[in-house]
PDB file of N, CA and C in Angstrom:
ATOM      1  N   MET A   1       0.823  -1.196   0.000  1.00  0.00           N
ATOM      2  CA  MET A   1       0.000   0.000   0.000  1.00  0.00           C
ATOM      3  C   MET A   1       0.868   1.260   0.000  1.00  0.00           C
ATOM      4  N   SER A   2       1.948   1.252   0.784  1.00  0.00           N
ATOM      5  CA  SER A   2       2.815   2.426   0.833  1.00  0.00           C
ATOM      6  C   SER A   2       3.522   2.653  -0.500  1.00  0.00           C
ATOM      7  N   HIS A   3       3.744   1.558  -1.251  1.00  0.00           N
ATOM      8  CA  HIS A   3       4.352   1.677  -2.577  1.00  0.00           C
ATOM      9  C   HIS A   3       3.425   2.471  -3.508  1.00  0.00           C
ATOM     10  N   MET A   4       2.129   2.207  -3.422  1.00  0.00           N
ATOM     11  CA  MET A   4       1.162   2.901  -4.259  1.00  0.00           C
ATOM     12  C   MET A   4       1.079   4.384  -3.876  1.00  0.00           C
ATOM     13  N   ILE A   5       1.132   4.665  -2.597  1.00  0.00           N
ATOM     14  CA  ILE A   5       1.084   6.059  -2.144  1.00  0.00           C
ATOM     15  C   ILE A   5       2.327   6.799  -2.614  1.00  0.00           C
ATOM     16  N   LEU A   6       3.470   6.143  -2.557  1.00  0.00           N
ATOM     17  CA  LEU A   6       4.707   6.758  -3.045  1.00  0.00           C
ATOM     18  C   LEU A   6       4.607   7.053  -4.543  1.00  0.00           C
ATOM     19  N   GLN A   7       4.040   6.137  -5.309  1.00  0.00           N
ATOM     20  CA  GLN A   7       3.874   6.366  -6.743  1.00  0.00           C
ATOM     21  C   GLN A   7       2.962   7.555  -7.011  1.00  0.00           C
ATOM     22  N   ILE A   8       1.887   7.669  -6.266  1.00  0.00           N
ATOM     23  CA  ILE A   8       0.968   8.794  -6.449  1.00  0.00           C
ATOM     24  C   ILE A   8       1.659  10.106  -6.109  1.00  0.00           C
ATOM     25  N   ILE A   9       2.445  10.120  -5.049  1.00  0.00           N
ATOM     26  CA  ILE A   9       3.173  11.333  -4.672  1.00  0.00           C
ATOM     27  C   ILE A   9       4.183  11.710  -5.748  1.00  0.00           C
ATOM     28  N   VAL A  10       4.921  10.729  -6.274  1.00  0.00           N
ATOM     29  CA  VAL A  10       5.906  11.011  -7.326  1.00  0.00           C
ATOM     30  C   VAL A  10       5.214  11.525  -8.579  1.00  0.00           C
ATOM     31  N   MET A  11       4.102  10.902  -8.968  1.00  0.00           N
ATOM     32  CA  MET A  11       3.366  11.372 -10.150  1.00  0.00           C
ATOM     33  C   MET A  11       2.877  12.804  -9.956  1.00  0.00           C
ATOM     34  N   THR A  12       2.399  13.107  -8.755  1.00  0.00           N
ATOM     35  CA  THR A  12       1.927  14.457  -8.474  1.00  0.00           C
ATOM     36  C   THR A  12       3.060  15.466  -8.562  1.00  0.00           C
ATOM     37  N   LEU A  13       4.196  15.142  -7.967  1.00  0.00           N
ATOM     38  CA  LEU A  13       5.343  16.050  -7.993  1.00  0.00           C
ATOM     39  C   LEU A  13       5.873  16.269  -9.400  1.00  0.00           C
ATOM     40  N   VAL A  14       5.976  15.195 -10.177  1.00  0.00           N
ATOM     41  CA  VAL A  14       6.482  15.325 -11.545  1.00  0.00           C
ATOM     42  C   VAL A  14       5.531  16.170 -12.380  1.00  0.00           C
ATOM     43  N   THR A  15       4.241  15.906 -12.270  1.00  0.00           N
ATOM     44  CA  THR A  15       3.259  16.676 -13.032  1.00  0.00           C
ATOM     45  C   THR A  15       3.303  18.145 -12.628  1.00  0.00           C
ATOM     46  N   TYR A  16       3.370  18.400 -11.342  1.00  0.00           N
ATOM     47  CA  TYR A  16       3.411  19.770 -10.849  1.00  0.00           C
ATOM     48  C   TYR A  16       4.698  20.467 -11.281  1.00  0.00           C
ATOM     49  N   ALA A  17       5.829  19.775 -11.141  1.00  0.00           N
ATOM     50  CA  ALA A  17       7.125  20.376 -11.482  1.00  0.00           C
ATOM     51  C   ALA A  17       7.214  20.718 -12.965  1.00  0.00           C
ATOM     52  N   VAL A  18       6.708  19.837 -13.804  1.00  0.00           N
ATOM     53  CA  VAL A  18       6.791  20.073 -15.242  1.00  0.00           C
ATOM     54  C   VAL A  18       5.959  21.284 -15.641  1.00  0.00           C
ATOM     55  N   ARG A  19       4.908  21.535 -14.930  1.00  0.00           N
ATOM     56  CA  ARG A  19       4.077  22.700 -15.256  1.00  0.00           C
ATOM     57  C   ARG A  19       4.591  23.981 -14.614  1.00  0.00           C
ATOM     58  N   ILE A  20       5.232  23.892 -13.471  1.00  0.00           N
ATOM     59  CA  ILE A  20       5.680  25.084 -12.747  1.00  0.00           C
ATOM     60  C   ILE A  20       7.053  25.570 -13.203  1.00  0.00           C
ATOM     61  N   ILE A  21       7.974  24.668 -13.488  1.00  0.00           N
ATOM     62  CA  ILE A  21       9.337  25.067 -13.862  1.00  0.00           C
ATOM     63  C   ILE A  21       9.357  25.989 -15.077  1.00  0.00           C
ATOM     64  N   PRO A  22       8.638  25.675 -16.153  1.00  0.00           N
ATOM     65  CA  PRO A  22       8.648  26.627 -17.273  1.00  0.00           C
ATOM     66  C   PRO A  22       8.089  28.002 -16.890  1.00  0.00           C
ATOM     67  N   LEU A  23       7.107  28.039 -16.001  1.00  0.00           N
ATOM     68  CA  LEU A  23       6.548  29.326 -15.594  1.00  0.00           C
ATOM     69  C   LEU A  23       7.546  30.159 -14.795  1.00  0.00           C
ATOM     70  N   THR A  24       8.384  29.502 -14.011  1.00  0.00           N
ATOM     71  CA  THR A  24       9.342  30.248 -13.193  1.00  0.00           C
ATOM     72  C   THR A  24      10.626  30.593 -13.943  1.00  0.00           C
ATOM     73  N   LEU A  25      11.020  29.771 -14.905  1.00  0.00           N
ATOM     74  CA  LEU A  25      12.282  30.008 -15.613  1.00  0.00           C
ATOM     75  C   LEU A  25      12.124  30.871 -16.859  1.00  0.00           C
ATOM     76  N   ILE A  26      10.982  30.806 -17.477  1.00  0.00           N
ATOM     77  CA  ILE A  26      10.779  31.521 -18.743  1.00  0.00           C
ATOM     78  C   ILE A  26       9.767  32.636 -18.512  1.00  0.00           C
ATOM     79  N   ARG A  27      10.229  33.856 -18.681  1.00  0.00           N
ATOM     80  CA  ARG A  27       9.365  35.016 -18.444  1.00  0.00           C
ATOM     81  C   ARG A  27       8.649  35.488 -19.719  1.00  0.00           C
ATOM     82  N   LYS A  28       9.260  35.265 -20.867  1.00  0.00           N
ATOM     83  CA  LYS A  28       8.664  35.705 -22.135  1.00  0.00           C
ATOM     84  C   LYS A  28       7.711  34.635 -22.655  1.00  0.00           C
ATOM     85  N   PRO A  29       6.745  35.019 -23.444  1.00  0.00           N
ATOM     86  CA  PRO A  29       5.864  34.005 -24.051  1.00  0.00           C
ATOM     87  C   PRO A  29       6.659  33.083 -24.984  1.00  0.00           C
ATOM     88  N   ILE A  30       6.352  31.821 -24.967  1.00  0.00           N
ATOM     89  CA  ILE A  30       7.033  30.856 -25.821  1.00  0.00           C
ATOM     90  C   ILE A  30       6.366  30.883 -27.184  1.00  0.00           C
ATOM     91  N   LYS A  31       7.159  31.188 -28.199  1.00  0.00           N
ATOM     92  CA  LYS A  31       6.608  31.301 -29.540  1.00  0.00           C
ATOM     93  C   LYS A  31       6.834  30.054 -30.381  1.00  0.00           C
ATOM     94  N   SER A  32       7.779  29.237 -29.984  1.00  0.00           N
ATOM     95  CA  SER A  32       8.073  28.026 -30.745  1.00  0.00           C
ATOM     96  C   SER A  32       6.927  27.033 -30.601  1.00  0.00           C
ATOM     97  N   ARG A  33       6.376  26.650 -31.722  1.00  0.00           N
ATOM     98  CA  ARG A  33       5.259  25.702 -31.710  1.00  0.00           C
ATOM     99  C   ARG A  33       5.692  24.335 -31.183  1.00  0.00           C
ATOM    100  N   PHE A  34       6.906  23.938 -31.512  1.00  0.00           N
ATOM    101  CA  PHE A  34       7.431  22.655 -31.055  1.00  0.00           C
ATOM    102  C   PHE A  34       7.571  22.620 -29.541  1.00  0.00           C
ATOM    103  N   ILE A  35       8.167  23.653 -28.963  1.00  0.00           N
ATOM    104  CA  ILE A  35       8.365  23.689 -27.515  1.00  0.00           C
ATOM    105  C   ILE A  35       7.029  23.764 -26.784  1.00  0.00           C
ATOM    106  N   ARG A  36       6.087  24.541 -27.299  1.00  0.00           N
ATOM    107  CA  ARG A  36       4.765  24.619 -26.674  1.00  0.00           C
ATOM    108  C   ARG A  36       4.065  23.264 -26.706  1.00  0.00           C
ATOM    109  N   SER A  37       4.159  22.578 -27.825  1.00  0.00           N
ATOM    110  CA  SER A  37       3.558  21.256 -27.932  1.00  0.00           C
ATOM    111  C   SER A  37       4.248  20.277 -27.000  1.00  0.00           C
ATOM    112  N   PHE A  38       5.563  20.339 -26.938  1.00  0.00           N
ATOM    113  CA  PHE A  38       6.334  19.463 -26.054  1.00  0.00           C
ATOM    114  C   PHE A  38       5.919  19.667 -24.595  1.00  0.00           C
ATOM    115  N   LEU A  39       5.858  20.909 -24.162  1.00  0.00           N
ATOM    116  CA  LEU A  39       5.491  21.199 -22.778  1.00  0.00           C
ATOM    117  C   LEU A  39       4.051  20.808 -22.476  1.00  0.00           C
ATOM    118  N   TYR A  40       3.198  20.842 -23.458  1.00  0.00           N
ATOM    119  CA  TYR A  40       1.805  20.449 -23.253  1.00  0.00           C
ATOM    120  C   TYR A  40       1.677  18.948 -22.977  1.00  0.00           C
ATOM    121  N   TYR A  41       2.450  18.135 -23.705  1.00  0.00           N
ATOM    122  CA  TYR A  41       2.299  16.684 -23.602  1.00  0.00           C
ATOM    123  C   TYR A  41       3.187  16.013 -22.558  1.00  0.00           C
ATOM    124  N   VAL A  42       4.182  16.693 -22.023  1.00  0.00           N
ATOM    125  CA  VAL A  42       5.097  16.087 -21.058  1.00  0.00           C
ATOM    126  C   VAL A  42       4.379  15.531 -19.821  1.00  0.00           C
ATOM    127  N   PRO A  43       3.434  16.238 -19.208  1.00  0.00           N
ATOM    128  CA  PRO A  43       2.772  15.650 -18.027  1.00  0.00           C
ATOM    129  C   PRO A  43       2.029  14.353 -18.349  1.00  0.00           C
ATOM    130  N   TYR A  44       1.393  14.287 -19.496  1.00  0.00           N
ATOM    131  CA  TYR A  44       0.665  13.075 -19.860  1.00  0.00           C
ATOM    132  C   TYR A  44       1.620  11.906 -20.085  1.00  0.00           C
ATOM    133  N   VAL A  45       2.732  12.185 -20.722  1.00  0.00           N
ATOM    134  CA  VAL A  45       3.723  11.134 -20.959  1.00  0.00           C
ATOM    135  C   VAL A  45       4.328  10.669 -19.635  1.00  0.00           C
ATOM    136  N   SER A  46       4.598  11.599 -18.736  1.00  0.00           N
ATOM    137  CA  SER A  46       5.158  11.236 -17.433  1.00  0.00           C
ATOM    138  C   SER A  46       4.200  10.328 -16.664  1.00  0.00           C
ATOM    139  N   LEU A  47       2.934  10.674 -16.654  1.00  0.00           N
ATOM    140  CA  LEU A  47       1.954   9.847 -15.963  1.00  0.00           C
ATOM    141  C   LEU A  47       1.834   8.474 -16.612  1.00  0.00           C
ATOM    142  N   ALA A  48       1.858   8.435 -17.934  1.00  0.00           N
ATOM    143  CA  ALA A  48       1.745   7.154 -18.631  1.00  0.00           C
ATOM    144  C   ALA A  48       2.940   6.259 -18.336  1.00  0.00           C
ATOM    145  N   VAL A  49       4.131   6.837 -18.326  1.00  0.00           N
ATOM    146  CA  VAL A  49       5.339   6.050 -18.071  1.00  0.00           C
ATOM    147  C   VAL A  49       5.344   5.493 -16.653  1.00  0.00           C
ATOM    148  N   MET A  50       4.814   6.232 -15.703  1.00  0.00           N
ATOM    149  CA  MET A  50       4.789   5.752 -14.321  1.00  0.00           C
ATOM    150  C   MET A  50       3.621   4.804 -14.061  1.00  0.00           C
ATOM    151  N   THR A  51       2.540   4.938 -14.821  1.00  0.00           N
ATOM    152  CA  THR A  51       1.352   4.124 -14.595  1.00  0.00           C
ATOM    153  C   THR A  51       1.420   2.786 -15.306  1.00  0.00           C
ATOM    154  N   PHE A  52       2.044   2.732 -16.465  1.00  0.00           N
ATOM    155  CA  PHE A  52       2.033   1.527 -17.292  1.00  0.00           C
ATOM    156  C   PHE A  52       2.553   0.276 -16.571  1.00  0.00           C
ATOM    157  N   PRO A  53       3.722   0.305 -15.940  1.00  0.00           N
ATOM    158  CA  PRO A  53       4.180  -0.928 -15.271  1.00  0.00           C
ATOM    159  C   PRO A  53       3.233  -1.380 -14.159  1.00  0.00           C
ATOM    160  N   THR A  54       2.675  -0.439 -13.429  1.00  0.00           N
ATOM    161  CA  THR A  54       1.747  -0.796 -12.362  1.00  0.00           C
ATOM    162  C   THR A  54       0.501  -1.457 -12.924  1.00  0.00           C
ATOM    163  N   MET A  55       0.037  -0.973 -14.046  1.00  0.00           N
ATOM    164  CA  MET A  55      -1.145  -1.549 -14.669  1.00  0.00           C
ATOM    165  C   MET A  55      -0.897  -3.005 -15.081  1.00  0.00           C
ATOM    166  N   ILE A  56       0.278  -3.281 -15.600  1.00  0.00           N
ATOM    167  CA  ILE A  56       0.585  -4.638 -16.056  1.00  0.00           C
ATOM    168  C   ILE A  56       0.739  -5.585 -14.872  1.00  0.00           C
ATOM    169  N   TYR A  57       1.404  -5.134 -13.812  1.00  0.00           N
ATOM    170  CA  TYR A  57       1.698  -6.005 -12.679  1.00  0.00           C
ATOM    171  C   TYR A  57       0.613  -6.000 -11.596  1.00  0.00           C
ATOM    172  N   ALA A  58      -0.467  -5.257 -11.776  1.00  0.00           N
ATOM    173  CA  ALA A  58      -1.528  -5.203 -10.768  1.00  0.00           C
ATOM    174  C   ALA A  58      -2.401  -6.445 -10.780  1.00  0.00           C
ATOM    175  N   THR A  59      -2.351  -7.219 -11.841  1.00  0.00           N
ATOM    176  CA  THR A  59      -3.168  -8.425 -11.940  1.00  0.00           C
ATOM    177  C   THR A  59      -2.376  -9.626 -11.427  1.00  0.00           C
ATOM    178  N   ASN A  60      -3.069 -10.749 -11.273  1.00  0.00           N
ATOM    179  CA  ASN A  60      -2.387 -11.962 -10.797  1.00  0.00           C
ATOM    180  C   ASN A  60      -1.405 -12.502 -11.826  1.00  0.00           C
ATOM    181  N   SER A  61      -1.704 -12.282 -13.094  1.00  0.00           N
ATOM    182  CA  SER A  61      -0.851 -12.759 -14.172  1.00  0.00           C
ATOM    183  C   SER A  61      -0.486 -11.589 -15.073  1.00  0.00           C
ATOM    184  N   ILE A  62       0.769 -11.527 -15.459  1.00  0.00           N
ATOM    185  CA  ILE A  62       1.196 -10.446 -16.368  1.00  0.00           C
ATOM    186  C   ILE A  62       0.448 -10.522 -17.693  1.00  0.00           C
ATOM    187  N   TRP A  63       0.036 -11.731 -18.073  1.00  0.00           N
ATOM    188  CA  TRP A  63      -0.650 -11.905 -19.353  1.00  0.00           C
ATOM    189  C   TRP A  63      -2.020 -11.242 -19.367  1.00  0.00           C
ATOM    190  N   SER A  64      -2.727 -11.294 -18.269  1.00  0.00           N
ATOM    191  CA  SER A  64      -4.031 -10.638 -18.230  1.00  0.00           C
ATOM    192  C   SER A  64      -3.872  -9.119 -18.294  1.00  0.00           C
ATOM    193  N   GLY A  65      -2.839  -8.591 -17.659  1.00  0.00           N
ATOM    194  CA  GLY A  65      -2.561  -7.162 -17.758  1.00  0.00           C
ATOM    195  C   GLY A  65      -2.199  -6.747 -19.168  1.00  0.00           C
ATOM    196  N   LEU A  66      -1.392  -7.565 -19.835  1.00  0.00           N
ATOM    197  CA  LEU A  66      -1.016  -7.262 -21.216  1.00  0.00           C
ATOM    198  C   LEU A  66      -2.213  -7.372 -22.156  1.00  0.00           C
ATOM    199  N   LEU A  67      -3.068  -8.378 -21.929  1.00  0.00           N
ATOM    200  CA  LEU A  67      -4.278  -8.503 -22.760  1.00  0.00           C
ATOM    201  C   LEU A  67      -5.192  -7.291 -22.584  1.00  0.00           C
ATOM    202  N   ALA A  68      -5.337  -6.826 -21.359  1.00  0.00           N
ATOM    203  CA  ALA A  68      -6.154  -5.638 -21.109  1.00  0.00           C
ATOM    204  C   ALA A  68      -5.541  -4.410 -21.778  1.00  0.00           C
ATOM    205  N   PHE A  69      -4.220  -4.300 -21.730  1.00  0.00           N
ATOM    206  CA  PHE A  69      -3.547  -3.174 -22.388  1.00  0.00           C
ATOM    207  C   PHE A  69      -3.788  -3.190 -23.883  1.00  0.00           C
ATOM    208  N   VAL A  70      -3.614  -4.355 -24.495  1.00  0.00           N
ATOM    209  CA  VAL A  70      -3.833  -4.476 -25.947  1.00  0.00           C
ATOM    210  C   VAL A  70      -5.288  -4.167 -26.287  1.00  0.00           C
ATOM    211  N   THR A  71      -6.205  -4.657 -25.464  1.00  0.00           N
ATOM    212  CA  THR A  71      -7.620  -4.367 -25.685  1.00  0.00           C
ATOM    213  C   THR A  71      -7.874  -2.867 -25.614  1.00  0.00           C
ATOM    214  N   GLY A  72      -7.317  -2.209 -24.612  1.00  0.00           N
ATOM    215  CA  GLY A  72      -7.493  -0.764 -24.470  1.00  0.00           C
ATOM    216  C   GLY A  72      -6.924   0.010 -25.646  1.00  0.00           C
ATOM    217  N   VAL A  73      -5.755  -0.401 -26.124  1.00  0.00           N
ATOM    218  CA  VAL A  73      -5.150   0.277 -27.280  1.00  0.00           C
ATOM    219  C   VAL A  73      -6.008   0.087 -28.524  1.00  0.00           C
ATOM    220  N   MET A  74      -6.494  -1.135 -28.724  1.00  0.00           N
ATOM    221  CA  MET A  74      -7.322  -1.392 -29.914  1.00  0.00           C
ATOM    222  C   MET A  74      -8.629  -0.608 -29.859  1.00  0.00           C
ATOM    223  N   LEU A  75      -9.289  -0.597 -28.709  1.00  0.00           N
ATOM    224  CA  LEU A  75     -10.547   0.145 -28.608  1.00  0.00           C
ATOM    225  C   LEU A  75     -10.330   1.646 -28.757  1.00  0.00           C
ATOM    226  N   THR A  76      -9.232   2.143 -28.208  1.00  0.00           N
ATOM    227  CA  THR A  76      -8.915   3.561 -28.363  1.00  0.00           C
ATOM    228  C   THR A  76      -8.612   3.893 -29.818  1.00  0.00           C
ATOM    229  N   TRP A  77      -7.930   2.997 -30.496  1.00  0.00           N
ATOM    230  CA  TRP A  77      -7.606   3.207 -31.908  1.00  0.00           C
ATOM    231  C   TRP A  77      -8.879   3.360 -32.739  1.00  0.00           C
ATOM    232  N   TYR A  78      -9.922   2.599 -32.359  1.00  0.00           N
ATOM    233  CA  TYR A  78     -11.189   2.655 -33.083  1.00  0.00           C
ATOM    234  C   TYR A  78     -12.191   3.618 -32.441  1.00  0.00           C
ATOM    235  N   ASN A  79     -11.675   4.576 -31.671  1.00  0.00           N
ATOM    236  CA  ASN A  79     -12.455   5.678 -31.098  1.00  0.00           C
ATOM    237  C   ASN A  79     -13.572   5.236 -30.165  1.00  0.00           C
ATOM    238  N   ALA A  80     -13.356   4.213 -29.372  1.00  0.00           N
ATOM    239  CA  ALA A  80     -14.334   3.832 -28.356  1.00  0.00           C
ATOM    240  C   ALA A  80     -14.276   4.849 -27.221  1.00  0.00           C
ATOM    241  N   SER A  81     -15.387   5.045 -26.548  1.00  0.00           N
ATOM    242  CA  SER A  81     -15.421   5.996 -25.437  1.00  0.00           C
ATOM    243  C   SER A  81     -14.639   5.447 -24.249  1.00  0.00           C
ATOM    244  N   LEU A  82     -14.288   6.331 -23.336  1.00  0.00           N
ATOM    245  CA  LEU A  82     -13.519   5.929 -22.159  1.00  0.00           C
ATOM    246  C   LEU A  82     -14.268   4.916 -21.288  1.00  0.00           C
ATOM    247  N   PRO A  83     -15.558   5.125 -21.005  1.00  0.00           N
ATOM    248  CA  PRO A  83     -16.252   4.110 -20.195  1.00  0.00           C
ATOM    249  C   PRO A  83     -16.310   2.734 -20.869  1.00  0.00           C
ATOM    250  N   LYS A  84     -16.545   2.700 -22.168  1.00  0.00           N
ATOM    251  CA  LYS A  84     -16.566   1.425 -22.887  1.00  0.00           C
ATOM    252  C   LYS A  84     -15.200   0.752 -22.839  1.00  0.00           C
ATOM    253  N   THR A  85     -14.154   1.524 -23.004  1.00  0.00           N
ATOM    254  CA  THR A  85     -12.804   0.977 -22.975  1.00  0.00           C
ATOM    255  C   THR A  85     -12.468   0.446 -21.587  1.00  0.00           C
ATOM    256  N   ALA A  86     -12.821   1.197 -20.555  1.00  0.00           N
ATOM    257  CA  ALA A  86     -12.529   0.764 -19.188  1.00  0.00           C
ATOM    258  C   ALA A  86     -13.279  -0.522 -18.845  1.00  0.00           C
ATOM    259  N   VAL A  87     -14.557  -0.583 -19.212  1.00  0.00           N
ATOM    260  CA  VAL A  87     -15.341  -1.785 -18.926  1.00  0.00           C
ATOM    261  C   VAL A  87     -14.787  -2.978 -19.700  1.00  0.00           C
ATOM    262  N   ALA A  88     -14.441  -2.765 -20.954  1.00  0.00           N
ATOM    263  CA  ALA A  88     -13.893  -3.863 -21.762  1.00  0.00           C
ATOM    264  C   ALA A  88     -12.577  -4.369 -21.180  1.00  0.00           C
ATOM    265  N   CYS A  89     -11.710  -3.468 -20.754  1.00  0.00           N
ATOM    266  CA  CYS A  89     -10.427  -3.885 -20.169  1.00  0.00           C
ATOM    267  C   CYS A  89     -10.649  -4.650 -18.864  1.00  0.00           C
ATOM    268  N   CYS A  90     -11.575  -4.193 -18.048  1.00  0.00           N
ATOM    269  CA  CYS A  90     -11.879  -4.913 -16.805  1.00  0.00           C
ATOM    270  C   CYS A  90     -12.431  -6.297 -17.102  1.00  0.00           C
ATOM    271  N   MET A  91     -13.285  -6.396 -18.104  1.00  0.00           N
ATOM    272  CA  MET A  91     -13.844  -7.697 -18.467  1.00  0.00           C
ATOM    273  C   MET A  91     -12.753  -8.635 -18.990  1.00  0.00           C
ATOM    274  N   VAL A  92     -11.826  -8.097 -19.768  1.00  0.00           N
ATOM    275  CA  VAL A  92     -10.723  -8.916 -20.284  1.00  0.00           C
ATOM    276  C   VAL A  92      -9.888  -9.453 -19.125  1.00  0.00           C
ATOM    277  N   VAL A  93      -9.598  -8.615 -18.142  1.00  0.00           N
ATOM    278  CA  VAL A  93      -8.829  -9.083 -16.984  1.00  0.00           C
ATOM    279  C   VAL A  93      -9.621 -10.135 -16.225  1.00  0.00           C
ATOM    280  N   LEU A  94     -10.897  -9.889 -15.997  1.00  0.00           N
ATOM    281  CA  LEU A  94     -11.721 -10.837 -15.259  1.00  0.00           C
ATOM    282  C   LEU A  94     -11.764 -12.193 -15.952  1.00  0.00           C
ATOM    283  N   ILE A  95     -12.021 -12.188 -17.246  1.00  0.00           N
ATOM    284  CA  ILE A  95     -12.118 -13.445 -17.995  1.00  0.00           C
ATOM    285  C   ILE A  95     -10.767 -14.142 -18.090  1.00  0.00           C
ATOM    286  N   SER A  96      -9.725 -13.384 -18.381  1.00  0.00           N
ATOM    287  CA  SER A  96      -8.410 -14.010 -18.528  1.00  0.00           C
ATOM    288  C   SER A  96      -7.906 -14.529 -17.180  1.00  0.00           C
ATOM    289  N   GLU A  97      -8.182 -13.842 -16.097  1.00  0.00           N
ATOM    290  CA  GLU A  97      -7.776 -14.341 -14.775  1.00  0.00           C
ATOM    291  C   GLU A  97      -8.530 -15.626 -14.459  1.00  0.00           C
ATOM    292  N   PHE A  98      -9.800 -15.701 -14.814  1.00  0.00           N
ATOM    293  CA  PHE A  98     -10.592 -16.892 -14.580  1.00  0.00           C
ATOM    294  C   PHE A  98     -10.062 -18.070 -15.398  1.00  0.00           C
ATOM    295  N   ILE A  99      -9.652 -17.791 -16.632  1.00  0.00           N
ATOM    296  CA  ILE A  99      -9.134 -18.857 -17.520  1.00  0.00           C
ATOM    297  C   ILE A  99      -7.725 -19.267 -17.105  1.00  0.00           C
ATOM    298  N   LEU A 100      -6.881 -18.325 -16.747  1.00  0.00           N
ATOM    299  CA  LEU A 100      -5.483 -18.622 -16.438  1.00  0.00           C
ATOM    300  C   LEU A 100      -5.285 -19.275 -15.077  1.00  0.00           C
ATOM    301  N   ILE A 101      -6.241 -19.083 -14.180  1.00  0.00           N
ATOM    302  CA  ILE A 101      -6.058 -19.642 -12.819  1.00  0.00           C
ATOM    303  C   ILE A 101      -6.717 -20.968 -12.681  1.00  0.00           C
TER     304      ILE A 101
END
C-alpha cells in the first residue's frame, strides 16, 4: 500500500514540477510551436510512463494485464469511449484471470 502512495506522490510532484518550472524560468511568451507542444504533452507522458508498469503487474498474471492493455489500445484506436474501454479492459482481466487460474 505504501508503494502505491509513493507512486501517487511522485506522479503528483512530476506533473506539478513540469508545469511550474517553465513558468518560473521563462518570463517571455514561448513562440516556438514545437516547444509549446512538447510542454503540453510532457505531463501526460510522465503519468503514462509511471502508470504503465503498475497496470501490467496489478493483476495476478502479467498476461491478463497485457491482454487488457492491448484491448485498451485497440478500442482507443477505433475511437471507443472511455467508459466502454474501461469496462472492456476490466472484463478482459476478469475473464483471462478466470481462464489462467
